[in-house]
Amino acid sequence: KQAGVNFEYKGIRSSQIETIESPFKEKTVVLTGKLTRFTREEAKETIENLGGKVTGSVSKKTDIVVAGEDAGSKLTKAQELGIDVWSEEKMAEALADSHFN
């Protein structure tokens, strides 16, 4: 367990976290708008299992904002702060490309 996340739940042992190649590793991610490919909980759990942290608000500490349909003020704030904004499709591609060494 790390930061209250049970990695063994998805077949990822805590000792494997160090060997994950993931764009989410040690990144703070905010989900905004309507996601169509994942439920918000599925996206959050998967990002956390790949070493990321999902938060509910955009700040200077945010690394990535995933913007679904009808994204609102969180997207605007991310753009104002110069934070990397990803589409849901880009997130899906990044998840598919994540793997273990």
PDB file of N, CA and C in Angstrom:
ATOM      1  N   LYS A   1       0.838  -1.192   0.000  1.00  0.00           N
ATOM      2  CA  LYS A   1       0.000   0.000   0.000  1.00  0.00           C
ATOM      3  C   LYS A   1       0.877   1.248   0.000  1.00  0.00           C
ATOM      4  N   GLN A   2       0.414   2.220  -0.710  1.00  0.00           N
ATOM      5  CA  GLN A   2       1.120   3.495  -0.759  1.00  0.00           C
ATOM      6  C   GLN A   2       0.066   4.574  -0.882  1.00  0.00           C
ATOM      7  N   ALA A   3       0.096   5.549  -0.019  1.00  0.00           N
ATOM      8  CA  ALA A   3      -0.877   6.652  -0.033  1.00  0.00           C
ATOM      9  C   ALA A   3      -2.310   6.140   0.031  1.00  0.00           C
ATOM     10  N   GLY A   4      -2.524   5.029   0.761  1.00  0.00           N
ATOM     11  CA  GLY A   4      -3.866   4.510   0.947  1.00  0.00           C
ATOM     12  C   GLY A   4      -4.435   3.775  -0.246  1.00  0.00           C
ATOM     13  N   VAL A   5      -3.639   3.510  -1.263  1.00  0.00           N
ATOM     14  CA  VAL A   5      -4.120   2.815  -2.454  1.00  0.00           C
ATOM     15  C   VAL A   5      -3.672   1.368  -2.377  1.00  0.00           C
ATOM     16  N   ASN A   6      -4.592   0.446  -2.575  1.00  0.00           N
ATOM     17  CA  ASN A   6      -4.268  -0.969  -2.540  1.00  0.00           C
ATOM     18  C   ASN A   6      -3.907  -1.425  -3.945  1.00  0.00           C
ATOM     19  N   PHE A   7      -2.612  -1.461  -4.257  1.00  0.00           N
ATOM     20  CA  PHE A   7      -2.168  -1.824  -5.591  1.00  0.00           C
ATOM     21  C   PHE A   7      -2.404  -3.298  -5.893  1.00  0.00           C
ATOM     22  N   GLU A   8      -2.437  -4.138  -4.868  1.00  0.00           N
ATOM     23  CA  GLU A   8      -2.644  -5.558  -5.099  1.00  0.00           C
ATOM     24  C   GLU A   8      -4.034  -5.837  -5.658  1.00  0.00           C
ATOM     25  N   TYR A   9      -4.962  -4.915  -5.447  1.00  0.00           N
ATOM     26  CA  TYR A   9      -6.327  -5.086  -5.942  1.00  0.00           C
ATOM     27  C   TYR A   9      -6.357  -5.300  -7.448  1.00  0.00           C
ATOM     28  N   LYS A  10      -5.521  -4.580  -8.184  1.00  0.00           N
ATOM     29  CA  LYS A  10      -5.485  -4.700  -9.637  1.00  0.00           C
ATOM     30  C   LYS A  10      -4.307  -5.547 -10.107  1.00  0.00           C
ATOM     31  N   GLY A  11      -3.749  -6.340  -9.195  1.00  0.00           N
ATOM     32  CA  GLY A  11      -2.655  -7.217  -9.573  1.00  0.00           C
ATOM     33  C   GLY A  11      -1.305  -6.522  -9.626  1.00  0.00           C
ATOM     34  N   ILE A  12      -1.219  -5.320  -9.081  1.00  0.00           N
ATOM     35  CA  ILE A  12       0.037  -4.591  -9.047  1.00  0.00           C
ATOM     36  C   ILE A  12       0.524  -4.601  -7.609  1.00  0.00           C
ATOM     37  N   ARG A  13       1.645  -5.257  -7.370  1.00  0.00           N
ATOM     38  CA  ARG A  13       2.214  -5.277  -6.028  1.00  0.00           C
ATOM     39  C   ARG A  13       2.931  -3.959  -5.769  1.00  0.00           C
ATOM     40  N   SER A  14       2.946  -3.535  -4.529  1.00  0.00           N
ATOM     41  CA  SER A  14       3.604  -2.272  -4.166  1.00  0.00           C
ATOM     42  C   SER A  14       5.044  -2.236  -4.653  1.00  0.00           C
ATOM     43  N   SER A  15       5.726  -3.379  -4.606  1.00  0.00           N
ATOM     44  CA  SER A  15       7.128  -3.417  -5.033  1.00  0.00           C
ATOM     45  C   SER A  15       7.279  -3.179  -6.532  1.00  0.00           C
ATOM     46  N   GLN A  16       6.206  -3.353  -7.298  1.00  0.00           N
ATOM     47  CA  GLN A  16       6.275  -3.151  -8.744  1.00  0.00           C
ATOM     48  C   GLN A  16       6.134  -1.687  -9.141  1.00  0.00           C
ATOM     49  N   ILE A  17       5.646  -0.852  -8.254  1.00  0.00           N
ATOM     50  CA  ILE A  17       5.385   0.544  -8.592  1.00  0.00           C
ATOM     51  C   ILE A  17       6.645   1.228  -9.106  1.00  0.00           C
ATOM     52  N   GLU A  18       7.791   0.899  -8.535  1.00  0.00           N
ATOM     53  CA  GLU A  18       9.039   1.535  -8.955  1.00  0.00           C
ATOM     54  C   GLU A  18       9.413   1.185 -10.388  1.00  0.00           C
ATOM     55  N   THR A  19       8.893   0.081 -10.932  1.00  0.00           N
ATOM     56  CA  THR A  19       9.271  -0.333 -12.282  1.00  0.00           C
ATOM     57  C   THR A  19       8.231   0.035 -13.332  1.00  0.00           C
ATOM     58  N   ILE A  20       7.185   0.716 -12.934  1.00  0.00           N
ATOM     59  CA  ILE A  20       6.153   1.105 -13.889  1.00  0.00           C
ATOM     60  C   ILE A  20       6.676   2.208 -14.800  1.00  0.00           C
ATOM     61  N   GLU A  21       6.437   2.040 -16.100  1.00  0.00           N
ATOM     62  CA  GLU A  21       6.668   3.128 -17.044  1.00  0.00           C
ATOM     63  C   GLU A  21       5.299   3.715 -17.324  1.00  0.00           C
ATOM     64  N   SER A  22       5.047   4.878 -16.786  1.00  0.00           N
ATOM     65  CA  SER A  22       3.730   5.484 -16.903  1.00  0.00           C
ATOM     66  C   SER A  22       3.858   6.995 -16.937  1.00  0.00           C
ATOM     67  N   PRO A  23       3.115   7.651 -17.828  1.00  0.00           N
ATOM     68  CA  PRO A  23       3.134   9.114 -17.834  1.00  0.00           C
ATOM     69  C   PRO A  23       2.461   9.696 -16.595  1.00  0.00           C
ATOM     70  N   PHE A  24       1.793   8.858 -15.806  1.00  0.00           N
ATOM     71  CA  PHE A  24       1.093   9.320 -14.607  1.00  0.00           C
ATOM     72  C   PHE A  24       1.928   9.177 -13.343  1.00  0.00           C
ATOM     73  N   LYS A  25       3.044   8.469 -13.421  1.00  0.00           N
ATOM     74  CA  LYS A  25       3.860   8.201 -12.246  1.00  0.00           C
ATOM     75  C   LYS A  25       4.310   9.512 -11.613  1.00  0.00           C
ATOM     76  N   GLU A  26       3.981   9.668 -10.325  1.00  0.00           N
ATOM     77  CA  GLU A  26       4.340  10.844  -9.532  1.00  0.00           C
ATOM     78  C   GLU A  26       3.754  12.140 -10.093  1.00  0.00           C
ATOM     79  N   LYS A  27       2.650  12.042 -10.827  1.00  0.00           N
ATOM     80  CA  LYS A  27       1.967  13.216 -11.382  1.00  0.00           C
ATOM     81  C   LYS A  27       0.650  13.441 -10.654  1.00  0.00           C
ATOM     82  N   THR A  28       0.256  14.699 -10.563  1.00  0.00           N
ATOM     83  CA  THR A  28      -1.042  15.058 -10.008  1.00  0.00           C
ATOM     84  C   THR A  28      -1.974  15.333 -11.176  1.00  0.00           C
ATOM     85  N   VAL A  29      -3.099  14.620 -11.204  1.00  0.00           N
ATOM     86  CA  VAL A  29      -4.029  14.656 -12.332  1.00  0.00           C
ATOM     87  C   VAL A  29      -5.405  15.111 -11.853  1.00  0.00           C
ATOM     88  N   VAL A  30      -6.061  15.934 -12.664  1.00  0.00           N
ATOM     89  CA  VAL A  30      -7.435  16.349 -12.403  1.00  0.00           C
ATOM     90  C   VAL A  30      -8.289  15.892 -13.578  1.00  0.00           C
ATOM     91  N   LEU A  31      -9.431  15.277 -13.271  1.00  0.00           N
ATOM     92  CA  LEU A  31     -10.397  14.862 -14.290  1.00  0.00           C
ATOM     93  C   LEU A  31     -11.520  15.887 -14.320  1.00  0.00           C
ATOM     94  N   THR A  32     -11.894  16.342 -15.518  1.00  0.00           N
ATOM     95  CA  THR A  32     -12.976  17.315 -15.622  1.00  0.00           C
ATOM     96  C   THR A  32     -13.827  17.026 -16.850  1.00  0.00           C
ATOM     97  N   GLY A  33     -15.076  17.409 -16.791  1.00  0.00           N
ATOM     98  CA  GLY A  33     -15.985  17.146 -17.901  1.00  0.00           C
ATOM     99  C   GLY A  33     -16.519  15.725 -17.862  1.00  0.00           C
ATOM    100  N   LYS A  34     -17.328  15.391 -18.855  1.00  0.00           N
ATOM    101  CA  LYS A  34     -17.938  14.063 -18.940  1.00  0.00           C
ATOM    102  C   LYS A  34     -17.000  13.114 -19.675  1.00  0.00           C
ATOM    103  N   LEU A  35     -16.632  12.032 -18.998  1.00  0.00           N
ATOM    104  CA  LEU A  35     -15.809  11.000 -19.616  1.00  0.00           C
ATOM    105  C   LEU A  35     -16.726   9.970 -20.252  1.00  0.00           C
ATOM    106  N   THR A  36     -16.401   9.540 -21.465  1.00  0.00           N
ATOM    107  CA  THR A  36     -17.262   8.591 -22.174  1.00  0.00           C
ATOM    108  C   THR A  36     -16.656   7.199 -22.283  1.00  0.00           C
ATOM    109  N   ARG A  37     -15.332   7.092 -22.207  1.00  0.00           N
ATOM    110  CA  ARG A  37     -14.675   5.792 -22.349  1.00  0.00           C
ATOM    111  C   ARG A  37     -14.501   5.083 -21.012  1.00  0.00           C
ATOM    112  N   PHE A  38     -14.533   5.839 -19.930  1.00  0.00           N
ATOM    113  CA  PHE A  38     -14.332   5.308 -18.584  1.00  0.00           C
ATOM    114  C   PHE A  38     -15.328   5.974 -17.657  1.00  0.00           C
ATOM    115  N   THR A  39     -15.639   5.296 -16.550  1.00  0.00           N
ATOM    116  CA  THR A  39     -16.315   6.031 -15.485  1.00  0.00           C
ATOM    117  C   THR A  39     -15.225   6.854 -14.801  1.00  0.00           C
ATOM    118  N   ARG A  40     -15.617   7.867 -14.099  1.00  0.00           N
ATOM    119  CA  ARG A  40     -14.644   8.695 -13.382  1.00  0.00           C
ATOM    120  C   ARG A  40     -13.874   7.834 -12.372  1.00  0.00           C
ATOM    121  N   GLU A  41     -14.570   6.917 -11.705  1.00  0.00           N
ATOM    122  CA  GLU A  41     -13.924   6.054 -10.713  1.00  0.00           C
ATOM    123  C   GLU A  41     -12.910   5.117 -11.373  1.00  0.00           C
ATOM    124  N   GLU A  42     -13.251   4.549 -12.547  1.00  0.00           N
ATOM    125  CA  GLU A  42     -12.304   3.684 -13.261  1.00  0.00           C
ATOM    126  C   GLU A  42     -11.047   4.458 -13.644  1.00  0.00           C
ATOM    127  N   ALA A  43     -11.236   5.658 -14.163  1.00  0.00           N
ATOM    128  CA  ALA A  43     -10.088   6.481 -14.562  1.00  0.00           C
ATOM    129  C   ALA A  43      -9.220   6.799 -13.352  1.00  0.00           C
ATOM    130  N   LYS A  44      -9.854   7.207 -12.258  1.00  0.00           N
ATOM    131  CA  LYS A  44      -9.127   7.565 -11.031  1.00  0.00           C
ATOM    132  C   LYS A  44      -8.341   6.369 -10.506  1.00  0.00           C
ATOM    133  N   GLU A  45      -8.998   5.231 -10.412  1.00  0.00           N
ATOM    134  CA  GLU A  45      -8.351   4.032  -9.879  1.00  0.00           C
ATOM    135  C   GLU A  45      -7.171   3.610 -10.746  1.00  0.00           C
ATOM    136  N   THR A  46      -7.347   3.663 -12.058  1.00  0.00           N
ATOM    137  CA  THR A  46      -6.281   3.246 -12.962  1.00  0.00           C
ATOM    138  C   THR A  46      -5.085   4.190 -12.876  1.00  0.00           C
ATOM    139  N   ILE A  47      -5.334   5.485 -12.872  1.00  0.00           N
ATOM    140  CA  ILE A  47      -4.245   6.462 -12.752  1.00  0.00           C
ATOM    141  C   ILE A  47      -3.500   6.253 -11.437  1.00  0.00           C
ATOM    142  N   GLU A  48      -4.237   6.049 -10.351  1.00  0.00           N
ATOM    143  CA  GLU A  48      -3.601   5.821  -9.053  1.00  0.00           C
ATOM    144  C   GLU A  48      -2.807   4.521  -9.045  1.00  0.00           C
ATOM    145  N   ASN A  49      -3.328   3.485  -9.684  1.00  0.00           N
ATOM    146  CA  ASN A  49      -2.609   2.213  -9.758  1.00  0.00           C
ATOM    147  C   ASN A  49      -1.323   2.341 -10.559  1.00  0.00           C
ATOM    148  N   LEU A  50      -1.250   3.354 -11.421  1.00  0.00           N
ATOM    149  CA  LEU A  50      -0.047   3.596 -12.219  1.00  0.00           C
ATOM    150  C   LEU A  50       0.841   4.674 -11.601  1.00  0.00           C
ATOM    151  N   GLY A  51       0.615   4.959 -10.324  1.00  0.00           N
ATOM    152  CA  GLY A  51       1.515   5.837  -9.595  1.00  0.00           C
ATOM    153  C   GLY A  51       1.141   7.302  -9.569  1.00  0.00           C
ATOM    154  N   GLY A  52      -0.020   7.658 -10.126  1.00  0.00           N
ATOM    155  CA  GLY A  52      -0.457   9.050 -10.122  1.00  0.00           C
ATOM    156  C   GLY A  52      -1.361   9.360  -8.944  1.00  0.00           C
ATOM    157  N   LYS A  53      -1.650  10.637  -8.780  1.00  0.00           N
ATOM    158  CA  LYS A  53      -2.550  11.103  -7.729  1.00  0.00           C
ATOM    159  C   LYS A  53      -3.653  11.905  -8.409  1.00  0.00           C
ATOM    160  N   VAL A  54      -4.897  11.568  -8.140  1.00  0.00           N
ATOM    161  CA  VAL A  54      -6.031  12.284  -8.728  1.00  0.00           C
ATOM    162  C   VAL A  54      -6.624  13.206  -7.673  1.00  0.00           C
ATOM    163  N   THR A  55      -6.759  14.478  -8.020  1.00  0.00           N
ATOM    164  CA  THR A  55      -7.347  15.452  -7.111  1.00  0.00           C
ATOM    165  C   THR A  55      -8.560  16.094  -7.776  1.00  0.00           C
ATOM    166  N   GLY A  56      -9.325  16.821  -6.995  1.00  0.00           N
ATOM    167  CA  GLY A  56     -10.562  17.401  -7.498  1.00  0.00           C
ATOM    168  C   GLY A  56     -10.465  18.837  -7.955  1.00  0.00           C
ATOM    169  N   SER A  57      -9.317  19.481  -7.707  1.00  0.00           N
ATOM    170  CA  SER A  57      -9.219  20.887  -8.104  1.00  0.00           C
ATOM    171  C   SER A  57      -7.880  21.174  -8.766  1.00  0.00           C
ATOM    172  N   VAL A  58      -7.890  22.146  -9.664  1.00  0.00           N
ATOM    173  CA  VAL A  58      -6.697  22.541 -10.406  1.00  0.00           C
ATOM    174  C   VAL A  58      -5.908  23.561  -9.587  1.00  0.00           C
ATOM    175  N   SER A  59      -4.594  23.337  -9.498  1.00  0.00           N
ATOM    176  CA  SER A  59      -3.713  24.288  -8.819  1.00  0.00           C
ATOM    177  C   SER A  59      -2.361  24.275  -9.525  1.00  0.00           C
ATOM    178  N   LYS A  60      -1.445  25.087  -9.027  1.00  0.00           N
ATOM    179  CA  LYS A  60      -0.094  25.110  -9.599  1.00  0.00           C
ATOM    180  C   LYS A  60       0.594  23.759  -9.450  1.00  0.00           C
ATOM    181  N   LYS A  61       0.119  22.936  -8.527  1.00  0.00           N
ATOM    182  CA  LYS A  61       0.715  21.617  -8.305  1.00  0.00           C
ATOM    183  C   LYS A  61       0.175  20.562  -9.271  1.00  0.00           C
ATOM    184  N   THR A  62      -0.854  20.902 -10.045  1.00  0.00           N
ATOM    185  CA  THR A  62      -1.450  19.971 -11.005  1.00  0.00           C
ATOM    186  C   THR A  62      -0.513  19.813 -12.196  1.00  0.00           C
ATOM    187  N   ASP A  63      -0.296  18.550 -12.615  1.00  0.00           N
ATOM    188  CA  ASP A  63       0.563  18.270 -13.767  1.00  0.00           C
ATOM    189  C   ASP A  63      -0.235  18.062 -15.051  1.00  0.00           C
ATOM    190  N   ILE A  64      -1.381  17.369 -14.941  1.00  0.00           N
ATOM    191  CA  ILE A  64      -2.182  17.019 -16.119  1.00  0.00           C
ATOM    192  C   ILE A  64      -3.654  17.216 -15.794  1.00  0.00           C
ATOM    193  N   VAL A  65      -4.394  17.818 -16.716  1.00  0.00           N
ATOM    194  CA  VAL A  65      -5.851  17.883 -16.617  1.00  0.00           C
ATOM    195  C   VAL A  65      -6.403  17.084 -17.790  1.00  0.00           C
ATOM    196  N   VAL A  66      -7.224  16.074 -17.486  1.00  0.00           N
ATOM    197  CA  VAL A  66      -7.900  15.299 -18.522  1.00  0.00           C
ATOM    198  C   VAL A  66      -9.280  15.909 -18.690  1.00  0.00           C
ATOM    199  N   ALA A  67      -9.540  16.443 -19.884  1.00  0.00           N
ATOM    200  CA  ALA A  67     -10.782  17.164 -20.147  1.00  0.00           C
ATOM    201  C   ALA A  67     -11.704  16.337 -21.029  1.00  0.00           C
ATOM    202  N   GLY A  68     -12.836  15.941 -20.468  1.00  0.00           N
ATOM    203  CA  GLY A  68     -13.872  15.262 -21.227  1.00  0.00           C
ATOM    204  C   GLY A  68     -14.816  16.282 -21.843  1.00  0.00           C
ATOM    205  N   GLU A  69     -15.969  15.799 -22.296  1.00  0.00           N
ATOM    206  CA  GLU A  69     -16.973  16.668 -22.908  1.00  0.00           C
ATOM    207  C   GLU A  69     -17.478  17.692 -21.899  1.00  0.00           C
ATOM    208  N   ASP A  70     -17.777  18.882 -22.381  1.00  0.00           N
ATOM    209  CA  ASP A  70     -18.363  19.956 -21.570  1.00  0.00           C
ATOM    210  C   ASP A  70     -17.518  20.320 -20.354  1.00  0.00           C
ATOM    211  N   ALA A  71     -16.197  20.256 -20.506  1.00  0.00           N
ATOM    212  CA  ALA A  71     -15.316  20.678 -19.414  1.00  0.00           C
ATOM    213  C   ALA A  71     -15.507  22.170 -19.195  1.00  0.00           C
ATOM    214  N   GLY A  72     -15.478  22.587 -17.948  1.00  0.00           N
ATOM    215  CA  GLY A  72     -15.780  23.984 -17.638  1.00  0.00           C
ATOM    216  C   GLY A  72     -14.632  24.738 -17.014  1.00  0.00           C
ATOM    217  N   SER A  73     -14.859  25.213 -15.792  1.00  0.00           N
ATOM    218  CA  SER A  73     -13.919  26.120 -15.130  1.00  0.00           C
ATOM    219  C   SER A  73     -12.567  25.474 -14.829  1.00  0.00           C
ATOM    220  N   LYS A  74     -12.546  24.167 -14.589  1.00  0.00           N
ATOM    221  CA  LYS A  74     -11.261  23.510 -14.322  1.00  0.00           C
ATOM    222  C   LYS A  74     -10.374  23.564 -15.566  1.00  0.00           C
ATOM    223  N   LEU A  75     -10.983  23.377 -16.735  1.00  0.00           N
ATOM    224  CA  LEU A  75     -10.234  23.462 -17.986  1.00  0.00           C
ATOM    225  C   LEU A  75      -9.709  24.882 -18.189  1.00  0.00           C
ATOM    226  N   THR A  76     -10.558  25.863 -17.965  1.00  0.00           N
ATOM    227  CA  THR A  76     -10.155  27.262 -18.112  1.00  0.00           C
ATOM    228  C   THR A  76      -8.991  27.592 -17.187  1.00  0.00           C
ATOM    229  N   LYS A  77      -9.082  27.161 -15.937  1.00  0.00           N
ATOM    230  CA  LYS A  77      -8.016  27.434 -14.970  1.00  0.00           C
ATOM    231  C   LYS A  77      -6.719  26.744 -15.384  1.00  0.00           C
ATOM    232  N   ALA A  78      -6.823  25.504 -15.871  1.00  0.00           N
ATOM    233  CA  ALA A  78      -5.634  24.775 -16.320  1.00  0.00           C
ATOM    234  C   ALA A  78      -4.948  25.525 -17.459  1.00  0.00           C
ATOM    235  N   GLN A  79      -5.735  26.018 -18.403  1.00  0.00           N
ATOM    236  CA  GLN A  79      -5.172  26.769 -19.524  1.00  0.00           C
ATOM    237  C   GLN A  79      -4.507  28.054 -19.037  1.00  0.00           C
ATOM    238  N   GLU A  80      -5.129  28.731 -18.091  1.00  0.00           N
ATOM    239  CA  GLU A  80      -4.555  29.966 -17.535  1.00  0.00           C
ATOM    240  C   GLU A  80      -3.227  29.705 -16.830  1.00  0.00           C
ATOM    241  N   LEU A  81      -3.111  28.545 -16.182  1.00  0.00           N
ATOM    242  CA  LEU A  81      -1.894  28.195 -15.443  1.00  0.00           C
ATOM    243  C   LEU A  81      -0.843  27.503 -16.313  1.00  0.00           C
ATOM    244  N   GLY A  82      -1.179  27.229 -17.578  1.00  0.00           N
ATOM    245  CA  GLY A  82      -0.239  26.572 -18.476  1.00  0.00           C
ATOM    246  C   GLY A  82      -0.047  25.100 -18.188  1.00  0.00           C
ATOM    247  N   ILE A  83      -1.068  24.467 -17.624  1.00  0.00           N
ATOM    248  CA  ILE A  83      -1.013  23.042 -17.279  1.00  0.00           C
ATOM    249  C   ILE A  83      -1.324  22.213 -18.522  1.00  0.00           C
ATOM    250  N   ASP A  84      -0.666  21.071 -18.638  1.00  0.00           N
ATOM    251  CA  ASP A  84      -0.853  20.158 -19.763  1.00  0.00           C
ATOM    252  C   ASP A  84      -2.287  19.629 -19.754  1.00  0.00           C
ATOM    253  N   VAL A  85      -3.038  19.870 -20.833  1.00  0.00           N
ATOM    254  CA  VAL A  85      -4.426  19.411 -20.937  1.00  0.00           C
ATOM    255  C   VAL A  85      -4.478  18.265 -21.938  1.00  0.00           C
ATOM    256  N   TRP A  86      -5.049  17.142 -21.494  1.00  0.00           N
ATOM    257  CA  TRP A  86      -5.184  15.956 -22.339  1.00  0.00           C
ATOM    258  C   TRP A  86      -6.649  15.707 -22.643  1.00  0.00           C
ATOM    259  N   SER A  87      -6.907  15.179 -23.834  1.00  0.00           N
ATOM    260  CA  SER A  87      -8.242  14.683 -24.159  1.00  0.00           C
ATOM    261  C   SER A  87      -8.397  13.306 -23.518  1.00  0.00           C
ATOM    262  N   GLU A  88      -9.624  12.833 -23.467  1.00  0.00           N
ATOM    263  CA  GLU A  88      -9.857  11.483 -22.945  1.00  0.00           C
ATOM    264  C   GLU A  88      -9.163  10.448 -23.829  1.00  0.00           C
ATOM    265  N   GLU A  89      -9.113  10.701 -25.139  1.00  0.00           N
ATOM    266  CA  GLU A  89      -8.453   9.780 -26.063  1.00  0.00           C
ATOM    267  C   GLU A  89      -6.953   9.688 -25.764  1.00  0.00           C
ATOM    268  N   LYS A  90      -6.331  10.842 -25.493  1.00  0.00           N
ATOM    269  CA  LYS A  90      -4.901  10.832 -25.161  1.00  0.00           C
ATOM    270  C   LYS A  90      -4.667  10.060 -23.869  1.00  0.00           C
ATOM    271  N   MET A  91      -5.558  10.218 -22.894  1.00  0.00           N
ATOM    272  CA  MET A  91      -5.430   9.472 -21.652  1.00  0.00           C
ATOM    273  C   MET A  91      -5.535   7.972 -21.924  1.00  0.00           C
ATOM    274  N   ALA A  92      -6.491   7.567 -22.758  1.00  0.00           N
ATOM    275  CA  ALA A  92      -6.671   6.149 -23.077  1.00  0.00           C
ATOM    276  C   ALA A  92      -5.424   5.584 -23.754  1.00  0.00           C
ATOM    277  N   GLU A  93      -4.830   6.353 -24.659  1.00  0.00           N
ATOM    278  CA  GLU A  93      -3.602   5.910 -25.325  1.00  0.00           C
ATOM    279  C   GLU A  93      -2.461   5.775 -24.321  1.00  0.00           C
ATOM    280  N   ALA A  94      -2.353   6.730 -23.410  1.00  0.00           N
ATOM    281  CA  ALA A  94      -1.299   6.681 -22.393  1.00  0.00           C
ATOM    282  C   ALA A  94      -1.482   5.474 -21.477  1.00  0.00           C
ATOM    283  N   LEU A  95      -2.723   5.171 -21.126  1.00  0.00           N
ATOM    284  CA  LEU A  95      -2.992   4.003 -20.286  1.00  0.00           C
ATOM    285  C   LEU A  95      -2.624   2.727 -21.022  1.00  0.00           C
ATOM    286  N   ALA A  96      -2.946   2.655 -22.309  1.00  0.00           N
ATOM    287  CA  ALA A  96      -2.632   1.464 -23.098  1.00  0.00           C
ATOM    288  C   ALA A  96      -1.124   1.281 -23.249  1.00  0.00           C
ATOM    289  N   ASP A  97      -0.388   2.395 -23.311  1.00  0.00           N
ATOM    290  CA  ASP A  97       1.060   2.332 -23.494  1.00  0.00           C
ATOM    291  C   ASP A  97       1.825   2.074 -22.203  1.00  0.00           C
ATOM    292  N   SER A  98       1.176   2.237 -21.047  1.00  0.00           N
ATOM    293  CA  SER A  98       1.848   2.042 -19.758  1.00  0.00           C
ATOM    294  C   SER A  98       2.128   0.560 -19.560  1.00  0.00           C
ATOM    295  N   HIS A  99       3.346   0.259 -19.109  1.00  0.00           N
ATOM    296  CA  HIS A  99       3.707  -1.145 -18.886  1.00  0.00           C
ATOM    297  C   HIS A  99       4.814  -1.240 -17.851  1.00  0.00           C
ATOM    298  N   PHE A 100       5.136  -2.478 -17.491  1.00  0.00           N
ATOM    299  CA  PHE A 100       6.187  -2.743 -16.510  1.00  0.00           C
ATOM    300  C   PHE A 100       7.482  -3.048 -17.229  1.00  0.00           C
ATOM    301  N   ASN A 101       8.614  -2.697 -16.592  1.00  0.00           N
ATOM    302  CA  ASN A 101       9.932  -3.064 -17.134  1.00  0.00           C
ATOM    303  C   ASN A 101      10.130  -4.552 -16.978  1.00  0.00           C
TER     304      ASN A 101
END
